[in-house]
Each structure stands twice: as C-alpha cells, then as structure tokens.
Amino acid sequence: MNANGTAIKYGDNIDTDVIIPARYLNTSDPKELASHCMEDVDKAFLQKVKSGDVMVGGKNFGCGSSREHAPIAIKESGISCVIAATFARIFYRNAINIGLPIVECPEASEKIQDGDEVSVDFNTGVITNQTRGETYRGEPFPPFIQTIITAGGLMNAIKANEL
C-alpha cells in the first residue's frame, strides 16, 4: 500500500477547527465536509488539491476537539496520506478509524516543502521526496492497523471480518 502525490504543507498546531470549521459540523456528509476543508487557513486548498496528494503538517497536527469530521474532510478532499512531526492522539485514532493513512516523521515534516513530489510506502514507513532525492524513515503501521486502513476504516474491516 502506497501514497504518491504532491505535498501540500502546513505548520504546527493545525487544529480540527482549521481543518473543518465548526460552522459546517451540522452535516456528516463527507463531500460537504470536504468542500470546506482547510478553507479558513488556505483558501486555495480546494483548487490545488488533487486525488492522491499528500498533506504535510508540523507538530501536534489535528489538535483541538475530538470530532472525526476533520479526518473525514481531509480524506474526502483527495488527500492520500498525512505526514506530520506529531499528531494529536485523538486525531491519530480517528484517522485510522476512518481509513486515512497518517505517518509520524519529524524529519519529513521539516524537510518536505510545499509542491514537492512525495511517495509513502506504508509497509516500510519509508517516505521518498522525489523532488529533493531524499528519503525519510517513518514508523510503519503494525499489520492490524494496515488491515483497517486497507479496508477503508475500522467499521469496514469489522464488516468484512478482517479483524
């Protein structure tokens, strides 16, 4: 399982209210949530994101409230993976539960620049920055989490009797 795409980079402490503003939480429709993803911090996000792109954040990505709307909005927008130096713990688990691959890697978070072409090998945790000719080592998911991600989320994995 891999992700390949253009990096869209943000800084530290990207909270769930920035990822999906609270004024849109009256819906659980993934497409509607995605249509407002990142709009308060990056008005151009929806114009530049393409299916398969990789979001890169700094420290404490996904901090704030525990709502799962944030990873749903990111995933539905087309982002194939989020790389960050660190993730807020509830965001981390919510991302896994909905099948959004995330990788903690401080070196990649620091060195990847907006617009770099990036690939992530989820089996090994290796992140390759094709633009800069660099590789970084993130932690691969254990097999049971890879099963959840591959199934498209926890509920899908349970329904398919994969866990």
N, C-alpha and C. Protein backbone atom coordinates (compact mmCIF):
# COMPACT_ATOMS: atom_id res chain seq x y z
N MET A 1 0.84 -1.17 0.00
CA MET A 1 0.00 0.00 0.00
C MET A 1 0.89 1.24 0.00
N ASN A 2 0.63 2.16 -0.91
CA ASN A 2 1.46 3.35 -1.07
C ASN A 2 0.60 4.58 -1.30
N ALA A 3 1.21 5.74 -1.10
CA ALA A 3 0.62 7.02 -1.46
C ALA A 3 1.63 7.74 -2.33
N ASN A 4 1.16 8.42 -3.36
CA ASN A 4 2.02 9.20 -4.25
C ASN A 4 1.30 10.47 -4.61
N GLY A 5 1.95 11.61 -4.42
CA GLY A 5 1.31 12.86 -4.79
C GLY A 5 2.16 14.07 -4.47
N THR A 6 1.57 15.21 -4.71
CA THR A 6 2.21 16.50 -4.44
C THR A 6 1.96 16.88 -2.99
N ALA A 7 2.98 17.40 -2.34
CA ALA A 7 2.86 17.82 -0.94
C ALA A 7 2.15 19.16 -0.85
N ILE A 8 1.21 19.22 0.07
CA ILE A 8 0.56 20.47 0.45
C ILE A 8 0.91 20.66 1.91
N LYS A 9 1.71 21.70 2.20
CA LYS A 9 2.34 21.80 3.52
C LYS A 9 1.72 22.90 4.39
N TYR A 10 1.61 22.55 5.68
CA TYR A 10 1.12 23.46 6.72
C TYR A 10 2.09 23.42 7.90
N GLY A 11 1.89 24.28 8.87
CA GLY A 11 2.79 24.38 10.00
C GLY A 11 2.35 23.58 11.21
N ASP A 12 2.77 24.03 12.37
CA ASP A 12 2.47 23.39 13.64
C ASP A 12 1.05 23.72 14.09
N ASN A 13 0.52 22.87 14.95
CA ASN A 13 -0.75 23.11 15.65
C ASN A 13 -1.93 23.37 14.72
N ILE A 14 -2.01 22.62 13.63
CA ILE A 14 -3.19 22.71 12.76
C ILE A 14 -4.31 21.98 13.49
N ASP A 15 -5.29 22.76 13.98
CA ASP A 15 -6.33 22.14 14.80
C ASP A 15 -7.55 21.76 13.96
N THR A 16 -8.41 20.98 14.58
CA THR A 16 -9.57 20.46 13.85
C THR A 16 -10.53 21.56 13.43
N ASP A 17 -10.54 22.71 14.13
CA ASP A 17 -11.38 23.83 13.72
C ASP A 17 -10.86 24.51 12.46
N VAL A 18 -9.58 24.39 12.20
CA VAL A 18 -8.99 24.91 10.96
C VAL A 18 -9.23 23.91 9.82
N ILE A 19 -9.11 22.62 10.14
CA ILE A 19 -9.31 21.59 9.12
C ILE A 19 -10.75 21.62 8.61
N ILE A 20 -11.71 21.66 9.52
CA ILE A 20 -13.12 21.80 9.14
C ILE A 20 -13.77 22.74 10.16
N PRO A 21 -14.05 23.98 9.75
CA PRO A 21 -14.62 24.96 10.68
C PRO A 21 -15.93 24.47 11.30
N ALA A 22 -16.12 24.83 12.58
CA ALA A 22 -17.27 24.37 13.36
C ALA A 22 -18.61 24.72 12.70
N ARG A 23 -18.65 25.79 11.93
CA ARG A 23 -19.92 26.19 11.32
C ARG A 23 -20.45 25.17 10.31
N TYR A 24 -19.62 24.19 9.93
CA TYR A 24 -20.04 23.16 8.97
C TYR A 24 -20.31 21.81 9.62
N LEU A 25 -20.32 21.77 10.93
CA LEU A 25 -20.48 20.49 11.63
C LEU A 25 -21.92 20.02 11.73
N ASN A 26 -22.82 20.75 11.11
CA ASN A 26 -24.22 20.31 11.11
C ASN A 26 -24.48 19.25 10.05
N THR A 27 -23.43 18.81 9.36
CA THR A 27 -23.56 17.73 8.37
C THR A 27 -22.52 16.65 8.66
N SER A 28 -22.83 15.44 8.27
CA SER A 28 -21.84 14.37 8.32
C SER A 28 -21.54 13.85 6.92
N ASP A 29 -22.07 14.56 5.91
CA ASP A 29 -21.84 14.17 4.52
C ASP A 29 -20.37 14.43 4.15
N PRO A 30 -19.60 13.39 3.83
CA PRO A 30 -18.19 13.56 3.52
C PRO A 30 -17.90 14.57 2.41
N LYS A 31 -18.69 14.57 1.36
CA LYS A 31 -18.46 15.50 0.24
C LYS A 31 -18.68 16.95 0.68
N GLU A 32 -19.71 17.18 1.49
CA GLU A 32 -19.96 18.52 2.00
C GLU A 32 -18.84 18.97 2.93
N LEU A 33 -18.37 18.09 3.79
CA LEU A 33 -17.26 18.42 4.67
C LEU A 33 -16.01 18.74 3.86
N ALA A 34 -15.72 17.93 2.86
CA ALA A 34 -14.54 18.15 2.02
C ALA A 34 -14.60 19.48 1.30
N SER A 35 -15.79 19.93 0.96
CA SER A 35 -15.93 21.19 0.22
C SER A 35 -15.55 22.40 1.06
N HIS A 36 -15.33 22.20 2.36
CA HIS A 36 -14.92 23.30 3.24
C HIS A 36 -13.59 23.02 3.94
N CYS A 37 -12.92 21.94 3.56
CA CYS A 37 -11.67 21.54 4.19
C CYS A 37 -10.60 22.64 4.04
N MET A 38 -10.02 23.03 5.13
CA MET A 38 -8.89 23.97 5.21
C MET A 38 -9.24 25.40 4.77
N GLU A 39 -10.51 25.71 4.54
CA GLU A 39 -10.85 27.00 3.93
C GLU A 39 -10.47 28.21 4.79
N ASP A 40 -10.41 28.07 6.10
CA ASP A 40 -10.06 29.22 6.93
C ASP A 40 -8.56 29.50 6.99
N VAL A 41 -7.75 28.53 6.63
CA VAL A 41 -6.30 28.71 6.67
C VAL A 41 -5.69 28.73 5.27
N ASP A 42 -6.38 28.17 4.28
CA ASP A 42 -5.84 28.06 2.93
C ASP A 42 -6.99 28.11 1.93
N LYS A 43 -7.34 29.31 1.52
CA LYS A 43 -8.49 29.49 0.60
C LYS A 43 -8.28 28.74 -0.72
N ALA A 44 -7.02 28.51 -1.12
CA ALA A 44 -6.72 27.86 -2.40
C ALA A 44 -6.66 26.34 -2.30
N PHE A 45 -6.82 25.77 -1.10
CA PHE A 45 -6.67 24.32 -0.92
C PHE A 45 -7.52 23.53 -1.90
N LEU A 46 -8.80 23.84 -1.98
CA LEU A 46 -9.70 23.05 -2.83
C LEU A 46 -9.38 23.18 -4.32
N GLN A 47 -8.78 24.29 -4.71
CA GLN A 47 -8.40 24.46 -6.12
C GLN A 47 -7.12 23.69 -6.45
N LYS A 48 -6.23 23.56 -5.46
CA LYS A 48 -4.95 22.92 -5.76
C LYS A 48 -4.90 21.42 -5.45
N VAL A 49 -5.72 20.94 -4.52
CA VAL A 49 -5.64 19.52 -4.14
C VAL A 49 -6.12 18.62 -5.28
N LYS A 50 -5.33 17.57 -5.51
CA LYS A 50 -5.69 16.55 -6.49
C LYS A 50 -5.72 15.21 -5.77
N SER A 51 -6.50 14.30 -6.30
CA SER A 51 -6.60 12.97 -5.71
C SER A 51 -5.21 12.35 -5.62
N GLY A 52 -4.85 11.89 -4.44
CA GLY A 52 -3.55 11.26 -4.22
C GLY A 52 -2.54 12.17 -3.55
N ASP A 53 -2.83 13.47 -3.48
CA ASP A 53 -1.87 14.40 -2.86
C ASP A 53 -1.63 14.04 -1.40
N VAL A 54 -0.53 14.56 -0.86
CA VAL A 54 -0.09 14.26 0.49
C VAL A 54 -0.07 15.55 1.30
N MET A 55 -0.76 15.56 2.44
CA MET A 55 -0.75 16.73 3.32
C MET A 55 0.40 16.56 4.30
N VAL A 56 1.14 17.64 4.53
CA VAL A 56 2.27 17.62 5.45
C VAL A 56 2.04 18.69 6.51
N GLY A 57 2.14 18.30 7.76
CA GLY A 57 1.99 19.24 8.86
C GLY A 57 3.18 19.17 9.79
N GLY A 58 3.19 20.06 10.76
CA GLY A 58 4.26 20.10 11.73
C GLY A 58 3.92 19.31 12.98
N LYS A 59 4.16 19.93 14.12
CA LYS A 59 3.89 19.29 15.41
C LYS A 59 2.42 19.45 15.78
N ASN A 60 1.89 18.45 16.47
CA ASN A 60 0.55 18.50 17.06
C ASN A 60 -0.56 18.66 16.02
N PHE A 61 -0.40 18.02 14.88
CA PHE A 61 -1.41 18.10 13.81
C PHE A 61 -2.71 17.48 14.31
N GLY A 62 -3.83 18.17 14.09
CA GLY A 62 -5.13 17.65 14.47
C GLY A 62 -5.51 17.90 15.92
N CYS A 63 -4.83 18.85 16.56
CA CYS A 63 -5.16 19.16 17.95
C CYS A 63 -6.55 19.80 18.02
N GLY A 64 -7.05 19.97 19.22
CA GLY A 64 -8.36 20.58 19.39
C GLY A 64 -9.40 19.53 19.72
N SER A 65 -10.57 19.71 19.18
CA SER A 65 -11.68 18.83 19.52
C SER A 65 -11.46 17.42 18.97
N SER A 66 -12.26 16.51 19.46
CA SER A 66 -12.09 15.10 19.09
C SER A 66 -12.97 14.68 17.93
N ARG A 67 -13.56 15.63 17.23
CA ARG A 67 -14.51 15.27 16.17
C ARG A 67 -13.82 14.53 15.01
N GLU A 68 -14.50 13.53 14.50
CA GLU A 68 -13.94 12.78 13.38
C GLU A 68 -14.23 13.45 12.04
N HIS A 69 -14.96 14.55 12.05
CA HIS A 69 -15.23 15.29 10.82
C HIS A 69 -13.93 15.74 10.15
N ALA A 70 -12.90 16.06 10.94
CA ALA A 70 -11.65 16.57 10.38
C ALA A 70 -10.95 15.55 9.49
N PRO A 71 -10.65 14.34 9.96
CA PRO A 71 -10.01 13.39 9.04
C PRO A 71 -10.93 12.98 7.88
N ILE A 72 -12.25 12.98 8.11
CA ILE A 72 -13.17 12.67 7.01
C ILE A 72 -13.05 13.72 5.91
N ALA A 73 -13.02 15.00 6.30
CA ALA A 73 -12.89 16.08 5.31
C ALA A 73 -11.58 15.98 4.54
N ILE A 74 -10.50 15.67 5.23
CA ILE A 74 -9.19 15.53 4.57
C ILE A 74 -9.22 14.37 3.58
N LYS A 75 -9.69 13.22 4.02
CA LYS A 75 -9.71 12.03 3.16
C LYS A 75 -10.60 12.26 1.93
N GLU A 76 -11.78 12.81 2.14
CA GLU A 76 -12.72 13.01 1.04
C GLU A 76 -12.24 14.08 0.06
N SER A 77 -11.36 14.97 0.51
CA SER A 77 -10.83 16.01 -0.39
C SER A 77 -9.87 15.43 -1.42
N GLY A 78 -9.40 14.20 -1.19
CA GLY A 78 -8.48 13.55 -2.12
C GLY A 78 -7.11 13.27 -1.54
N ILE A 79 -6.84 13.75 -0.35
CA ILE A 79 -5.54 13.52 0.29
C ILE A 79 -5.38 12.02 0.56
N SER A 80 -4.23 11.47 0.14
CA SER A 80 -3.99 10.03 0.30
C SER A 80 -3.25 9.69 1.59
N CYS A 81 -2.62 10.70 2.21
CA CYS A 81 -1.85 10.46 3.41
C CYS A 81 -1.54 11.80 4.07
N VAL A 82 -1.47 11.81 5.39
CA VAL A 82 -1.00 12.98 6.12
C VAL A 82 0.29 12.60 6.82
N ILE A 83 1.31 13.41 6.62
CA ILE A 83 2.60 13.24 7.28
C ILE A 83 2.74 14.43 8.24
N ALA A 84 3.15 14.17 9.48
CA ALA A 84 3.38 15.25 10.42
C ALA A 84 4.49 14.85 11.40
N ALA A 85 5.07 15.85 12.05
CA ALA A 85 6.07 15.57 13.07
C ALA A 85 5.43 14.80 14.21
N THR A 86 4.25 15.26 14.65
CA THR A 86 3.46 14.56 15.66
C THR A 86 1.99 14.85 15.40
N PHE A 87 1.15 13.94 15.86
CA PHE A 87 -0.30 14.09 15.74
C PHE A 87 -0.92 14.15 17.13
N ALA A 88 -1.99 14.92 17.25
CA ALA A 88 -2.80 14.85 18.46
C ALA A 88 -3.35 13.43 18.52
N ARG A 89 -3.37 12.85 19.69
CA ARG A 89 -3.72 11.43 19.83
C ARG A 89 -5.13 11.09 19.36
N ILE A 90 -6.11 11.93 19.66
CA ILE A 90 -7.47 11.59 19.24
C ILE A 90 -7.60 11.70 17.73
N PHE A 91 -6.96 12.70 17.11
CA PHE A 91 -6.97 12.81 15.65
C PHE A 91 -6.32 11.56 15.05
N TYR A 92 -5.21 11.12 15.63
CA TYR A 92 -4.49 9.94 15.14
C TYR A 92 -5.44 8.74 15.09
N ARG A 93 -6.14 8.50 16.17
CA ARG A 93 -7.04 7.34 16.21
C ARG A 93 -8.24 7.53 15.29
N ASN A 94 -8.80 8.75 15.24
CA ASN A 94 -9.92 8.99 14.33
C ASN A 94 -9.51 8.78 12.88
N ALA A 95 -8.29 9.18 12.53
CA ALA A 95 -7.82 8.99 11.15
C ALA A 95 -7.76 7.50 10.82
N ILE A 96 -7.21 6.71 11.71
CA ILE A 96 -7.15 5.26 11.49
C ILE A 96 -8.56 4.69 11.39
N ASN A 97 -9.45 5.11 12.29
CA ASN A 97 -10.82 4.58 12.29
C ASN A 97 -11.56 4.82 10.99
N ILE A 98 -11.25 5.93 10.29
CA ILE A 98 -11.95 6.21 9.03
C ILE A 98 -11.10 5.82 7.81
N GLY A 99 -9.92 5.24 8.04
CA GLY A 99 -9.10 4.75 6.93
C GLY A 99 -8.24 5.80 6.26
N LEU A 100 -7.88 6.87 6.99
CA LEU A 100 -6.96 7.88 6.44
C LEU A 100 -5.55 7.56 6.91
N PRO A 101 -4.65 7.19 5.99
CA PRO A 101 -3.28 6.87 6.39
C PRO A 101 -2.56 8.12 6.91
N ILE A 102 -1.88 7.96 8.04
CA ILE A 102 -1.08 9.03 8.62
C ILE A 102 0.27 8.46 9.03
N VAL A 103 1.31 9.28 8.93
CA VAL A 103 2.66 8.84 9.27
C VAL A 103 3.34 9.93 10.08
N GLU A 104 3.84 9.55 11.25
CA GLU A 104 4.64 10.49 12.04
C GLU A 104 6.10 10.39 11.61
N CYS A 105 6.66 11.53 11.24
CA CYS A 105 8.07 11.57 10.84
C CYS A 105 8.56 13.01 10.92
N PRO A 106 9.21 13.38 12.03
CA PRO A 106 9.68 14.75 12.18
C PRO A 106 10.61 15.22 11.06
N GLU A 107 11.49 14.35 10.58
CA GLU A 107 12.42 14.74 9.52
C GLU A 107 11.68 15.06 8.23
N ALA A 108 10.73 14.24 7.84
CA ALA A 108 9.95 14.50 6.62
C ALA A 108 9.14 15.78 6.79
N SER A 109 8.55 15.97 7.96
CA SER A 109 7.76 17.17 8.23
C SER A 109 8.60 18.43 8.06
N GLU A 110 9.83 18.37 8.49
CA GLU A 110 10.71 19.52 8.40
C GLU A 110 11.22 19.75 6.97
N LYS A 111 11.61 18.68 6.27
CA LYS A 111 12.32 18.83 5.00
C LYS A 111 11.43 18.91 3.76
N ILE A 112 10.27 18.29 3.80
CA ILE A 112 9.38 18.34 2.64
C ILE A 112 8.84 19.75 2.50
N GLN A 113 8.87 20.27 1.29
CA GLN A 113 8.36 21.62 1.01
C GLN A 113 7.07 21.53 0.20
N ASP A 114 6.27 22.58 0.30
CA ASP A 114 5.03 22.66 -0.47
C ASP A 114 5.35 22.47 -1.95
N GLY A 115 4.64 21.57 -2.60
CA GLY A 115 4.85 21.32 -4.03
C GLY A 115 5.80 20.19 -4.35
N ASP A 116 6.52 19.66 -3.36
CA ASP A 116 7.41 18.52 -3.61
C ASP A 116 6.58 17.29 -3.97
N GLU A 117 7.14 16.44 -4.83
CA GLU A 117 6.51 15.17 -5.16
C GLU A 117 6.98 14.13 -4.15
N VAL A 118 6.01 13.48 -3.50
CA VAL A 118 6.30 12.61 -2.37
C VAL A 118 5.62 11.26 -2.56
N SER A 119 6.29 10.19 -2.12
CA SER A 119 5.64 8.88 -2.06
C SER A 119 5.87 8.29 -0.67
N VAL A 120 4.91 7.50 -0.23
CA VAL A 120 4.98 6.87 1.09
C VAL A 120 4.70 5.38 0.91
N ASP A 121 5.60 4.56 1.43
CA ASP A 121 5.40 3.12 1.46
C ASP A 121 4.91 2.76 2.86
N PHE A 122 3.63 2.41 2.98
CA PHE A 122 3.06 2.16 4.30
C PHE A 122 3.58 0.87 4.91
N ASN A 123 4.08 -0.06 4.10
CA ASN A 123 4.59 -1.32 4.64
C ASN A 123 5.93 -1.13 5.35
N THR A 124 6.75 -0.19 4.86
CA THR A 124 8.08 0.02 5.44
C THR A 124 8.19 1.32 6.24
N GLY A 125 7.28 2.25 6.00
CA GLY A 125 7.36 3.57 6.63
C GLY A 125 8.30 4.52 5.91
N VAL A 126 8.84 4.11 4.77
CA VAL A 126 9.79 4.96 4.03
C VAL A 126 9.02 6.01 3.23
N ILE A 127 9.43 7.25 3.41
CA ILE A 127 8.87 8.39 2.69
C ILE A 127 9.95 8.87 1.74
N THR A 128 9.62 8.97 0.46
CA THR A 128 10.58 9.41 -0.54
C THR A 128 10.15 10.76 -1.10
N ASN A 129 11.06 11.70 -1.05
CA ASN A 129 10.84 13.01 -1.65
C ASN A 129 11.54 12.98 -3.00
N GLN A 130 10.77 12.72 -4.07
CA GLN A 130 11.37 12.63 -5.40
C GLN A 130 11.95 13.96 -5.86
N THR A 131 11.35 15.06 -5.45
CA THR A 131 11.82 16.38 -5.86
C THR A 131 13.23 16.64 -5.34
N ARG A 132 13.51 16.26 -4.12
CA ARG A 132 14.80 16.55 -3.48
C ARG A 132 15.75 15.35 -3.45
N GLY A 133 15.26 14.18 -3.89
CA GLY A 133 16.10 12.99 -3.88
C GLY A 133 16.45 12.53 -2.48
N GLU A 134 15.51 12.67 -1.55
CA GLU A 134 15.76 12.29 -0.16
C GLU A 134 14.76 11.24 0.29
N THR A 135 15.16 10.44 1.29
CA THR A 135 14.24 9.51 1.92
C THR A 135 14.26 9.75 3.42
N TYR A 136 13.13 9.50 4.05
CA TYR A 136 12.97 9.68 5.49
C TYR A 136 12.31 8.42 6.03
N ARG A 137 12.59 8.11 7.28
CA ARG A 137 12.07 6.88 7.87
C ARG A 137 10.98 7.21 8.89
N GLY A 138 9.74 6.88 8.52
CA GLY A 138 8.63 6.95 9.45
C GLY A 138 8.37 5.57 10.00
N GLU A 139 7.49 5.48 10.96
CA GLU A 139 7.14 4.18 11.54
C GLU A 139 6.02 3.54 10.73
N PRO A 140 6.24 2.31 10.24
CA PRO A 140 5.15 1.63 9.54
C PRO A 140 4.07 1.20 10.53
N PHE A 141 2.85 1.10 10.04
CA PHE A 141 1.76 0.60 10.88
C PHE A 141 1.94 -0.88 11.13
N PRO A 142 1.54 -1.36 12.30
CA PRO A 142 1.51 -2.80 12.51
C PRO A 142 0.45 -3.41 11.60
N PRO A 143 0.52 -4.72 11.36
CA PRO A 143 -0.40 -5.35 10.41
C PRO A 143 -1.89 -5.11 10.68
N PHE A 144 -2.33 -5.10 11.94
CA PHE A 144 -3.76 -4.93 12.18
C PHE A 144 -4.23 -3.52 11.80
N ILE A 145 -3.37 -2.52 11.97
CA ILE A 145 -3.76 -1.16 11.54
C ILE A 145 -3.70 -1.07 10.02
N GLN A 146 -2.74 -1.72 9.39
CA GLN A 146 -2.72 -1.76 7.92
C GLN A 146 -4.00 -2.38 7.39
N THR A 147 -4.51 -3.40 8.07
CA THR A 147 -5.78 -4.03 7.68
C THR A 147 -6.92 -3.02 7.74
N ILE A 148 -6.97 -2.23 8.80
CA ILE A 148 -8.02 -1.21 8.95
C ILE A 148 -7.92 -0.18 7.85
N ILE A 149 -6.72 0.32 7.60
CA ILE A 149 -6.51 1.34 6.56
C ILE A 149 -6.90 0.78 5.19
N THR A 150 -6.42 -0.42 4.87
CA THR A 150 -6.70 -1.03 3.57
C THR A 150 -8.20 -1.25 3.36
N ALA A 151 -8.90 -1.58 4.43
CA ALA A 151 -10.36 -1.82 4.34
C ALA A 151 -11.15 -0.52 4.21
N GLY A 152 -10.47 0.62 4.41
CA GLY A 152 -11.17 1.90 4.33
C GLY A 152 -11.76 2.34 5.66
N GLY A 153 -11.28 1.75 6.74
CA GLY A 153 -11.71 2.16 8.06
C GLY A 153 -12.07 0.98 8.94
N LEU A 154 -12.21 1.27 10.22
CA LEU A 154 -12.49 0.23 11.22
C LEU A 154 -13.79 -0.51 10.96
N MET A 155 -14.87 0.22 10.71
CA MET A 155 -16.16 -0.43 10.51
C MET A 155 -16.14 -1.33 9.27
N ASN A 156 -15.48 -0.88 8.21
CA ASN A 156 -15.38 -1.72 7.01
C ASN A 156 -14.58 -2.99 7.28
N ALA A 157 -13.52 -2.87 8.08
CA ALA A 157 -12.71 -4.04 8.42
C ALA A 157 -13.52 -5.03 9.26
N ILE A 158 -14.32 -4.51 10.19
CA ILE A 158 -15.16 -5.38 11.02
C ILE A 158 -16.21 -6.07 10.17
N LYS A 159 -16.87 -5.29 9.31
CA LYS A 159 -17.93 -5.87 8.44
C LYS A 159 -17.37 -6.96 7.54
N ALA A 160 -16.13 -6.80 7.10
CA ALA A 160 -15.51 -7.78 6.21
C ALA A 160 -14.88 -8.94 6.99
N ASN A 161 -15.05 -8.94 8.31
CA ASN A 161 -14.46 -9.97 9.16
C ASN A 161 -12.95 -10.05 9.03
N GLU A 162 -12.30 -8.90 8.83
CA GLU A 162 -10.85 -8.88 8.67
C GLU A 162 -10.12 -8.68 9.98
N LEU A 163 -10.86 -8.35 11.04
CA LEU A 163 -10.23 -8.16 12.36
C LEU A 163 -10.67 -9.23 13.33
